[in-house]
Amino acid sequence: MSENENKDLEVNEEEVEETVEQEPTEDTVEESADSEATEETTVDEEEEEEADVESMSEALDASVEVKPGDIVEGVVLAIDDDKNVVVGLDTGHEGYIPIRELSTKHVDDPSEEVEIDERIRVTVLRIVSDKEEGSFILSKKRVDQREVWNELQEKFDNDETVEAEVNRVVKGGVTVDLGVRGFVPASQLDTRFVRDLSQFEGNTYEFKIIEIDPQNRQLILSRRELLEAEEEVKREEALEQLEEGSTVTGTVVRLTNFGAFVDLGGIDGLVHISEIAHEHVDHPEDKLTVGEEIEVRVLNVDKERERVSLSIKALLPGLWDTVDEEFPAGTVTTGIVKRIVDFGAFVELKPGVEGLVHISEMAHRHVDTPHEVVSENEEIEVKVLSVDQEAQRVSLSIKALEDAPERQEQEQRPEPRQEVRQPQLRDEDDEAAFTIGDQLGDQLKGLFEDDDEDEE
């Protein structure tokens, strides 16, 4: 073999070796594929790591911008031993919610309000330097309150009502819980004055919002306005149904010096004090009590002024209807001296019925003034002389119950006149005897004779 052929062979062998090296076997292909996959995985991980770094960087950059007052979202991570709720914020940092800032209502166990992994909205109260529990102190309650204020504002704008429970009596009124604190002045609790507000505590009512100021956290409510609106409707219906002269049943709701107000089922009517009874009434409470159910006669209905006049005595028997049966002539009874006048005294036989004891019927002796015999408010015994039912008059007597005093004999009969006998100066049988009359007669005779002579 020449040198040139040897050289060509060597070259061919080298080419073969290079070719063999270049043509991969099955193992070589697998190794090559694994190698490429590893390289791709490494690249992906590196890209994810770089993305995470960038995300964290962005989150860190964003967390710097979070300040107190901001509202952020996060996930509940845990509840610690102190009942604080740990929240992972979307900013990448953690914060915690003290239990007092968890809900608008009182909460003893945070798990009653939130669950692990639950997404919630919170507001940042402040940043803390101690980052063992988180970088921020958060509040869920205040976010909820903001939402409540927004809802209340919307209801106020739309003239809608709210329903709430009275939870506390305070000075000047009561408070209610609507997620935020509401105040109801005492004057806005009812249409009538209520002295004891504790009766409302624990009860749920419907209220109207009359004033709202979210910035200053002021919410004023009224129950009275709703009650007045309801009563107005009932009042109009009641006025249409009432007729003068009809008899209705009502409930006494208020007593005053001048009468009693009676609820007729939508409207109050007045029973004037003069219409409570036939007899004189000093004060309505002497005859009526609040809450008492009574029958009344409708005297007048003024629809324009929304006033109703009522009477109780119109349904009662007349006081004089049976006086002649109760106190017939000749009856002896007792009564109270109500009034004393110059000509006698008026005695009350029963409430609303009085009789007169004339001054001439007070005693068998002469009486100058009735005060000599009776005094006001004294209880005395009298005898009925007569009854005039139509004129409503009863004549009474005190002296008719007393025996007339016995008169002395000289007052009953005058003594017989005694005959005066002239003294005898002579015996009737003695013609010479004379009387004083004889002597005087002769002297008078001589006197008259002298006068006759002078005249001649």
Protein backbone atom coordinates (compact mmCIF):
# COMPACT_ATOMS: atom_id res chain seq x y z
CA MET A 1 0.00 0.00 0.00
CA SER A 2 1.42 3.27 -1.00
CA GLU A 3 1.81 6.17 1.41
CA ASN A 4 -0.99 8.08 -0.29
CA GLU A 5 -3.47 5.26 0.32
CA ASN A 6 -2.37 5.02 3.90
CA LYS A 7 -2.99 8.71 4.28
CA ASP A 8 -6.45 8.43 2.75
CA LEU A 9 -7.31 5.59 5.12
CA GLU A 10 -6.22 7.46 8.08
CA VAL A 11 -8.33 10.35 7.01
CA ASN A 12 -11.28 8.07 6.42
CA GLU A 13 -10.86 6.53 9.85
CA GLU A 14 -10.75 9.95 11.40
CA GLU A 15 -13.86 10.95 9.49
CA VAL A 16 -15.56 7.77 10.61
CA GLU A 17 -14.65 8.46 14.17
CA GLU A 18 -15.92 12.02 13.84
CA THR A 19 -19.06 10.74 12.19
CA VAL A 20 -19.57 8.19 14.93
CA GLU A 21 -19.09 10.83 17.47
CA GLN A 22 -21.59 13.03 15.63
CA GLU A 23 -24.26 10.30 15.22
CA PRO A 24 -25.81 9.80 18.66
CA THR A 25 -26.84 6.50 20.01
CA GLU A 26 -30.20 5.95 21.83
CA ASP A 27 -28.56 6.59 25.17
CA THR A 28 -26.94 9.66 23.81
CA VAL A 29 -30.30 10.96 22.55
CA GLU A 30 -31.97 10.39 25.89
CA GLU A 31 -29.17 12.09 27.75
CA SER A 32 -29.33 14.94 25.34
CA ALA A 33 -33.11 15.27 25.82
CA ASP A 34 -32.82 15.20 29.60
CA SER A 35 -30.14 17.77 29.43
CA GLU A 36 -32.25 20.06 27.34
CA ALA A 37 -35.30 19.60 29.62
CA THR A 38 -33.22 20.35 32.65
CA GLU A 39 -31.94 23.44 31.00
CA GLU A 40 -35.52 24.53 30.14
CA THR A 41 -36.74 23.82 33.70
CA THR A 42 -33.92 25.78 35.13
CA VAL A 43 -34.78 28.65 32.87
CA ASP A 44 -38.48 28.53 33.89
CA GLU A 45 -37.65 28.45 37.58
CA GLU A 46 -35.28 31.30 37.13
CA GLU A 47 -37.99 33.24 35.31
CA GLU A 48 -40.55 32.46 38.05
CA GLU A 49 -38.10 33.46 40.72
CA GLU A 50 -37.41 36.64 38.88
CA ALA A 51 -41.19 37.22 38.56
CA ASP A 52 -41.68 36.55 42.27
CA VAL A 53 -38.91 38.91 43.10
CA GLU A 54 -40.45 41.50 40.88
CA SER A 55 -43.92 40.86 42.45
CA MET A 56 -42.54 41.11 45.95
CA SER A 57 -40.67 44.17 44.96
CA GLU A 58 -43.86 45.68 43.62
CA ALA A 59 -45.73 44.66 46.77
CA LEU A 60 -43.02 46.16 48.92
CA ASP A 61 -43.14 49.28 46.87
CA ALA A 62 -46.97 49.30 47.24
CA SER A 63 -46.85 48.69 51.02
CA VAL A 64 -44.81 51.78 51.45
CA GLU A 65 -47.65 53.76 49.95
CA VAL A 66 -50.27 52.32 52.35
CA LYS A 67 -51.11 54.81 55.05
CA PRO A 68 -53.59 55.05 57.94
CA GLY A 69 -57.11 55.51 56.66
CA ASP A 70 -56.63 53.43 53.53
CA ILE A 71 -58.98 50.54 52.84
CA VAL A 72 -57.25 47.34 51.68
CA GLU A 73 -58.20 43.71 51.14
CA GLY A 74 -56.63 40.64 52.61
CA VAL A 75 -57.08 37.04 53.73
CA VAL A 76 -57.62 35.81 57.27
CA LEU A 77 -54.53 33.77 58.13
CA ALA A 78 -54.98 32.92 61.78
CA ILE A 79 -56.46 33.83 65.17
CA ASP A 80 -53.84 34.18 67.88
CA ASP A 81 -54.06 33.47 71.59
CA ASP A 82 -55.06 37.06 72.33
CA LYS A 83 -58.03 36.73 69.97
CA ASN A 84 -56.42 39.01 67.41
CA VAL A 85 -57.16 38.17 63.78
CA VAL A 86 -54.01 37.95 61.65
CA VAL A 87 -54.60 39.13 58.09
CA GLY A 88 -52.36 38.71 55.06
CA LEU A 89 -52.78 41.87 53.07
CA ASP A 90 -52.70 41.94 49.29
CA THR A 91 -49.71 44.25 49.65
CA GLY A 92 -47.60 41.30 50.82
CA HIS A 93 -47.45 42.28 54.46
CA GLU A 94 -49.36 41.15 57.46
CA GLY A 95 -51.49 43.07 59.92
CA TYR A 96 -53.75 42.18 62.78
CA ILE A 97 -57.25 43.14 63.88
CA PRO A 98 -57.83 43.57 67.64
CA ILE A 99 -61.07 41.90 68.68
CA ARG A 100 -62.60 45.25 69.56
CA GLU A 101 -62.12 46.33 65.95
CA LEU A 102 -63.56 43.18 64.43
CA SER A 103 -67.30 43.88 64.46
CA THR A 104 -69.84 46.63 65.05
CA LYS A 105 -71.43 44.44 67.70
CA HIS A 106 -69.84 42.88 70.75
CA VAL A 107 -67.87 39.74 69.91
CA ASP A 108 -66.38 37.27 72.40
CA ASP A 109 -65.00 34.79 69.88
CA PRO A 110 -63.47 36.07 66.60
CA SER A 111 -64.49 32.85 64.85
CA GLU A 112 -68.09 34.00 65.18
CA GLU A 113 -67.30 36.87 62.85
CA VAL A 114 -64.60 35.61 60.43
CA GLU A 115 -63.22 32.31 59.11
CA ILE A 116 -59.72 31.23 58.12
CA ASP A 117 -58.96 31.94 54.44
CA GLU A 118 -61.90 34.36 54.25
CA ARG A 119 -61.28 37.50 52.23
CA ILE A 120 -62.18 40.67 54.06
CA ARG A 121 -61.86 44.40 53.64
CA VAL A 122 -60.11 46.35 56.36
CA THR A 123 -58.90 49.83 57.01
CA VAL A 124 -55.44 50.71 58.29
CA LEU A 125 -55.55 52.32 61.70
CA ARG A 126 -51.82 52.80 62.19
CA ILE A 127 -48.39 51.42 61.39
CA VAL A 128 -46.55 49.58 64.16
CA SER A 129 -42.81 49.27 64.69
CA ASP A 130 -43.12 45.83 66.34
CA LYS A 131 -43.60 43.59 63.32
CA GLU A 132 -43.88 40.29 65.12
CA GLU A 133 -47.64 40.29 64.60
CA GLY A 134 -47.70 42.42 61.48
CA SER A 135 -46.87 45.81 60.15
CA PHE A 136 -50.31 47.35 60.60
CA ILE A 137 -53.15 47.56 63.10
CA LEU A 138 -56.31 47.01 61.13
CA SER A 139 -60.06 47.40 61.61
CA LYS A 140 -62.85 45.52 59.94
CA LYS A 141 -65.49 47.22 62.05
CA ARG A 142 -64.79 50.64 60.63
CA VAL A 143 -65.06 49.45 57.06
CA ASP A 144 -68.39 47.86 57.91
CA GLN A 145 -69.47 51.10 59.57
CA ARG A 146 -68.61 53.09 56.45
CA GLU A 147 -70.79 50.79 54.44
CA VAL A 148 -73.57 51.19 57.01
CA TRP A 149 -73.31 54.97 56.84
CA ASN A 150 -73.58 54.78 53.07
CA GLU A 151 -76.70 52.62 53.32
CA LEU A 152 -78.25 54.92 55.92
CA GLN A 153 -77.53 57.97 53.81
CA GLU A 154 -79.26 56.31 50.89
CA LYS A 155 -82.31 55.47 53.04
CA PHE A 156 -82.41 59.04 54.32
CA ASP A 157 -82.30 60.42 50.78
CA ASN A 158 -85.12 58.08 49.74
CA ASP A 159 -87.20 58.81 52.88
CA GLU A 160 -87.06 55.14 53.91
CA THR A 161 -87.40 53.82 57.45
CA VAL A 162 -85.07 51.60 59.47
CA GLU A 163 -85.71 48.96 62.11
CA ALA A 164 -83.55 48.75 65.21
CA GLU A 165 -83.51 47.53 68.80
CA VAL A 166 -83.32 49.97 71.69
CA ASN A 167 -80.22 48.86 73.57
CA ARG A 168 -79.69 51.55 76.17
CA VAL A 169 -81.36 54.39 78.05
CA VAL A 170 -79.21 57.50 78.21
CA LYS A 171 -79.70 61.09 79.34
CA GLY A 172 -82.37 62.68 77.21
CA GLY A 173 -83.38 59.58 75.27
CA VAL A 174 -82.27 56.11 74.14
CA THR A 175 -79.68 54.62 71.78
CA VAL A 176 -80.16 51.99 69.09
CA ASP A 177 -77.73 49.74 67.20
CA LEU A 178 -77.84 49.90 63.43
CA GLY A 179 -74.23 48.88 62.94
CA VAL A 180 -73.57 52.44 64.02
CA ARG A 181 -74.91 54.19 67.09
CA GLY A 182 -78.21 56.01 66.65
CA PHE A 183 -79.87 58.36 69.15
CA VAL A 184 -83.60 58.78 69.71
CA PRO A 185 -84.55 61.84 71.84
CA ALA A 186 -87.19 61.18 74.50
CA SER A 187 -89.56 63.57 72.72
CA GLN A 188 -89.32 61.44 69.57
CA LEU A 189 -90.18 58.10 71.19
CA ASP A 190 -93.94 58.52 71.43
CA THR A 191 -96.72 60.95 70.62
CA ARG A 192 -97.31 61.42 74.35
CA PHE A 193 -94.87 62.32 77.09
CA VAL A 194 -93.23 59.24 78.62
CA ARG A 195 -91.53 59.62 81.98
CA ASP A 196 -90.02 56.12 82.29
CA LEU A 197 -87.93 55.33 79.19
CA SER A 198 -86.84 51.92 80.46
CA GLN A 199 -90.05 50.43 79.04
CA PHE A 200 -88.55 50.82 75.54
CA GLU A 201 -85.27 49.05 76.32
CA GLY A 202 -84.85 45.71 74.55
CA ASN A 203 -87.74 46.34 72.16
CA THR A 204 -87.43 46.66 68.39
CA TYR A 205 -89.19 49.52 66.61
CA GLU A 206 -89.36 51.17 63.24
CA PHE A 207 -87.71 54.59 63.02
CA LYS A 208 -87.42 57.47 60.60
CA ILE A 209 -84.03 59.13 60.04
CA ILE A 210 -84.43 62.84 60.76
CA GLU A 211 -80.74 63.82 60.83
CA ILE A 212 -77.57 62.14 59.56
CA ASP A 213 -73.94 63.31 59.56
CA PRO A 214 -71.48 60.48 58.72
CA GLN A 215 -68.41 62.68 59.14
CA ASN A 216 -69.32 63.56 62.72
CA ARG A 217 -70.90 60.14 63.27
CA GLN A 218 -74.29 61.60 64.22
CA LEU A 219 -77.53 59.77 63.57
CA ILE A 220 -80.83 61.10 64.98
CA LEU A 221 -83.96 58.96 64.69
CA SER A 222 -87.67 59.43 65.37
CA ARG A 223 -90.46 57.01 66.15
CA ARG A 224 -92.95 59.76 66.88
CA GLU A 225 -93.20 60.95 63.27
CA LEU A 226 -94.21 57.49 62.12
CA LEU A 227 -96.78 57.16 64.91
CA GLU A 228 -98.25 60.56 64.11
CA ALA A 229 -98.63 59.60 60.47
CA GLU A 230 -100.44 56.39 61.46
CA GLU A 231 -102.65 58.25 63.92
CA GLU A 232 -103.58 60.83 61.31
CA VAL A 233 -104.96 58.09 59.07
CA LYS A 234 -106.88 56.51 61.96
CA ARG A 235 -108.16 59.92 63.07
CA GLU A 236 -109.64 60.67 59.66
CA GLU A 237 -111.34 57.27 59.58
CA ALA A 238 -112.72 57.71 63.11
CA LEU A 239 -114.10 61.19 62.35
CA GLU A 240 -116.00 59.81 59.39
CA GLN A 241 -117.61 57.09 61.53
CA LEU A 242 -118.63 59.22 64.54
CA GLU A 243 -122.16 60.62 64.61
CA GLU A 244 -123.63 63.14 67.01
CA GLY A 245 -125.98 61.50 69.49
CA SER A 246 -124.44 58.04 69.12
CA THR A 247 -123.13 56.01 72.03
CA VAL A 248 -119.56 54.70 71.75
CA THR A 249 -117.04 52.93 73.94
CA GLY A 250 -113.62 54.41 74.65
CA THR A 251 -110.66 54.30 76.99
CA VAL A 252 -109.64 57.07 79.36
CA VAL A 253 -106.13 58.11 78.33
CA ARG A 254 -105.57 61.39 80.16
CA LEU A 255 -107.07 63.40 83.04
CA THR A 256 -106.82 67.16 83.38
CA ASN A 257 -108.34 69.80 85.65
CA PHE A 258 -111.03 70.57 83.09
CA GLY A 259 -111.99 67.06 81.99
CA ALA A 260 -110.97 63.65 80.67
CA PHE A 261 -109.66 62.65 77.24
CA VAL A 262 -111.06 59.40 75.90
CA ASP A 263 -109.50 57.37 73.07
CA LEU A 264 -112.24 56.40 70.62
CA GLY A 265 -110.00 54.22 68.47
CA GLY A 266 -108.11 56.75 66.40
CA ILE A 267 -109.16 60.07 67.86
CA ASP A 268 -109.41 61.46 71.38
CA GLY A 269 -112.63 63.05 72.57
CA LEU A 270 -113.07 65.33 75.57
CA VAL A 271 -115.50 64.75 78.41
CA HIS A 272 -115.72 68.14 80.09
CA ILE A 273 -115.79 68.03 83.89
CA SER A 274 -119.39 69.28 83.81
CA GLU A 275 -120.37 66.25 81.69
CA ILE A 276 -118.87 63.59 83.94
CA ALA A 277 -121.75 63.37 86.42
CA HIS A 278 -125.00 65.09 87.32
CA GLU A 279 -123.56 66.15 90.64
CA HIS A 280 -120.67 68.57 91.11
CA VAL A 281 -117.23 67.00 90.48
CA ASP A 282 -114.14 68.66 91.97
CA HIS A 283 -111.66 66.76 89.77
CA PRO A 284 -112.11 64.10 87.06
CA GLU A 285 -109.90 61.69 88.99
CA ASP A 286 -112.62 61.53 91.64
CA LYS A 287 -114.77 59.64 89.15
CA LEU A 288 -112.42 58.22 86.49
CA THR A 289 -109.06 56.46 86.21
CA VAL A 290 -106.60 56.28 83.32
CA GLY A 291 -107.03 53.05 81.37
CA GLU A 292 -110.67 52.65 82.36
CA GLU A 293 -113.11 51.66 79.60
CA ILE A 294 -116.30 53.71 79.59
CA GLU A 295 -119.39 54.41 77.49
CA VAL A 296 -119.96 57.98 76.33
CA ARG A 297 -122.51 59.93 74.31
CA VAL A 298 -121.18 61.91 71.32
CA LEU A 299 -122.36 65.51 71.78
CA ASN A 300 -120.54 67.22 68.91
CA VAL A 301 -118.10 66.37 66.08
CA ASP A 302 -116.00 69.19 64.58
CA LYS A 303 -114.25 67.61 61.60
CA GLU A 304 -112.39 70.74 60.57
CA ARG A 305 -110.82 71.25 63.99
CA GLU A 306 -110.76 67.50 64.69
CA ARG A 307 -112.52 67.89 68.01
CA VAL A 308 -115.09 65.61 69.60
CA SER A 309 -117.20 66.53 72.63
CA LEU A 310 -118.45 63.68 74.81
CA SER A 311 -120.70 63.16 77.81
CA ILE A 312 -120.96 60.51 80.47
CA LYS A 313 -123.84 61.96 82.45
CA ALA A 314 -126.05 61.95 79.35
CA LEU A 315 -126.18 58.15 79.72
CA LEU A 316 -126.88 58.23 83.46
CA PRO A 317 -130.38 58.37 84.98
CA GLY A 318 -131.48 61.91 85.93
CA LEU A 319 -130.92 62.73 89.58
CA TRP A 320 -134.45 64.04 89.99
CA ASP A 321 -136.15 61.21 88.15
CA THR A 322 -136.69 59.18 91.32
CA VAL A 323 -136.46 61.82 94.06
CA ASP A 324 -140.18 61.59 94.85
CA GLU A 325 -139.74 57.85 95.33
CA GLU A 326 -136.57 58.10 97.38
CA PHE A 327 -137.66 61.04 99.54
CA PRO A 328 -141.47 61.18 99.72
CA ALA A 329 -143.13 63.79 101.95
CA GLY A 330 -142.86 62.81 105.59
CA THR A 331 -139.53 61.01 105.16
CA VAL A 332 -136.89 61.59 107.82
CA THR A 333 -133.35 61.51 106.46
CA THR A 334 -129.88 62.95 106.94
CA GLY A 335 -127.99 65.38 104.73
CA ILE A 336 -125.02 67.69 104.56
CA VAL A 337 -125.37 71.44 104.84
CA LYS A 338 -123.82 72.75 101.60
CA ARG A 339 -124.80 76.41 101.55
CA ILE A 340 -126.18 78.88 104.04
CA VAL A 341 -128.11 81.90 102.81
CA ASP A 342 -130.06 84.67 104.58
CA PHE A 343 -133.37 82.86 104.19
CA GLY A 344 -132.22 79.35 105.11
CA ALA A 345 -129.82 76.49 104.37
CA PHE A 346 -129.46 74.10 101.42
CA VAL A 347 -128.98 70.51 102.47
CA GLU A 348 -127.61 67.80 100.12
CA LEU A 349 -129.79 64.72 100.35
CA LYS A 350 -127.74 62.80 97.77
CA PRO A 351 -125.09 63.91 95.24
CA GLY A 352 -126.73 66.48 92.97
CA VAL A 353 -129.98 66.79 94.93
CA GLU A 354 -130.43 69.55 97.51
CA GLY A 355 -133.38 70.63 99.60
CA LEU A 356 -134.07 73.91 101.41
CA VAL A 357 -134.61 74.31 105.12
CA HIS A 358 -136.29 77.70 105.35
CA ILE A 359 -135.26 79.85 108.30
CA SER A 360 -138.79 79.52 109.64
CA GLU A 361 -138.36 75.72 109.75
CA MET A 362 -135.16 75.73 111.73
CA ALA A 363 -136.52 76.06 115.24
CA HIS A 364 -139.72 76.70 117.16
CA ARG A 365 -138.19 79.90 118.50
CA HIS A 366 -137.42 82.98 116.47
CA VAL A 367 -134.15 82.67 114.51
CA ASP A 368 -132.37 85.81 113.32
CA THR A 369 -129.81 84.03 111.10
CA PRO A 370 -129.41 80.37 109.99
CA HIS A 371 -125.88 80.34 111.44
CA GLU A 372 -127.47 80.20 114.89
CA VAL A 373 -128.75 76.71 114.12
CA VAL A 374 -126.55 75.09 111.45
CA SER A 375 -123.05 75.38 109.97
CA GLU A 376 -121.63 74.44 106.55
CA ASN A 377 -120.59 70.78 106.00
CA GLU A 378 -122.53 69.77 109.11
CA GLU A 379 -124.52 66.57 108.90
CA ILE A 380 -128.06 67.12 110.16
CA GLU A 381 -131.35 65.25 110.33
CA VAL A 382 -134.29 66.72 108.46
CA LYS A 383 -137.87 65.91 107.59
CA VAL A 384 -139.16 66.14 104.04
CA LEU A 385 -142.16 68.47 103.88
CA SER A 386 -142.78 68.39 100.13
CA VAL A 387 -141.22 67.39 96.78
CA ASP A 388 -141.73 69.26 93.50
CA GLN A 389 -140.18 66.95 90.95
CA GLU A 390 -140.83 69.18 87.96
CA ALA A 391 -139.39 72.30 89.60
CA GLN A 392 -136.67 70.22 91.25
CA ARG A 393 -137.40 71.57 94.72
CA VAL A 394 -137.54 69.84 98.06
CA SER A 395 -138.76 71.57 101.23
CA LEU A 396 -137.21 70.41 104.47
CA SER A 397 -137.68 71.07 108.15
CA ILE A 398 -135.60 70.74 111.27
CA LYS A 399 -138.16 71.94 113.82
CA ALA A 400 -140.65 69.32 112.62
CA LEU A 401 -138.46 66.75 114.33
CA GLU A 402 -138.51 68.63 117.64
CA ASP A 403 -141.29 68.84 120.18
CA ALA A 404 -142.76 72.28 120.72
CA PRO A 405 -141.84 73.66 124.17
CA GLU A 406 -144.66 73.80 126.84
CA ARG A 407 -145.91 77.32 127.45
CA GLN A 408 -146.40 78.75 130.92
CA GLU A 409 -150.01 79.00 132.12
CA GLN A 410 -150.09 82.77 131.97
CA GLU A 411 -148.78 82.64 128.39
CA GLN A 412 -151.44 80.13 127.46
CA ARG A 413 -154.46 81.88 129.20
CA PRO A 414 -154.76 85.44 130.57
CA GLU A 415 -155.76 85.65 134.30
CA PRO A 416 -159.45 86.61 134.91
CA ARG A 417 -159.90 90.33 135.65
CA GLN A 418 -160.63 90.91 139.34
CA GLU A 419 -163.55 93.23 140.28
CA VAL A 420 -162.44 96.20 142.30
CA ARG A 421 -164.73 96.93 145.16
CA GLN A 422 -165.16 100.46 146.46
CA PRO A 423 -164.61 100.91 150.17
CA GLN A 424 -167.79 101.29 152.20
CA LEU A 425 -167.87 104.24 154.54
CA ARG A 426 -171.35 103.47 155.82
CA ASP A 427 -173.50 100.59 156.30
CA GLU A 428 -175.88 99.93 153.46
CA ASP A 429 -178.72 99.90 155.97
CA ASP A 430 -177.59 103.19 157.43
CA GLU A 431 -179.19 105.99 155.44
CA ALA A 432 -176.90 108.48 157.10
CA ALA A 433 -173.85 106.76 155.91
CA PHE A 434 -172.21 108.03 152.66
CA THR A 435 -169.60 106.96 150.29
CA ILE A 436 -166.57 108.70 148.86
CA GLY A 437 -168.39 108.73 145.51
CA ASP A 438 -171.23 110.58 147.06
CA GLN A 439 -168.91 113.19 148.45
CA LEU A 440 -167.04 113.64 145.21
CA GLY A 441 -170.25 113.75 143.28
CA ASP A 442 -171.58 116.60 145.35
CA GLN A 443 -168.35 118.53 144.99
CA LEU A 444 -168.21 118.02 141.24
CA LYS A 445 -171.84 119.02 140.99
CA GLY A 446 -171.18 122.27 142.76
CA LEU A 447 -168.23 122.94 140.46
CA PHE A 448 -170.28 122.48 137.35
CA GLU A 449 -173.05 124.72 138.79
CA ASP A 450 -170.57 127.56 139.37
CA ASP A 451 -169.42 127.30 135.79
CA ASP A 452 -172.98 127.56 134.57
CA GLU A 453 -173.56 130.73 136.57
CA ASP A 454 -170.47 132.37 135.15
CA GLU A 455 -171.57 131.62 131.64
CA GLU A 456 -174.90 133.28 132.29
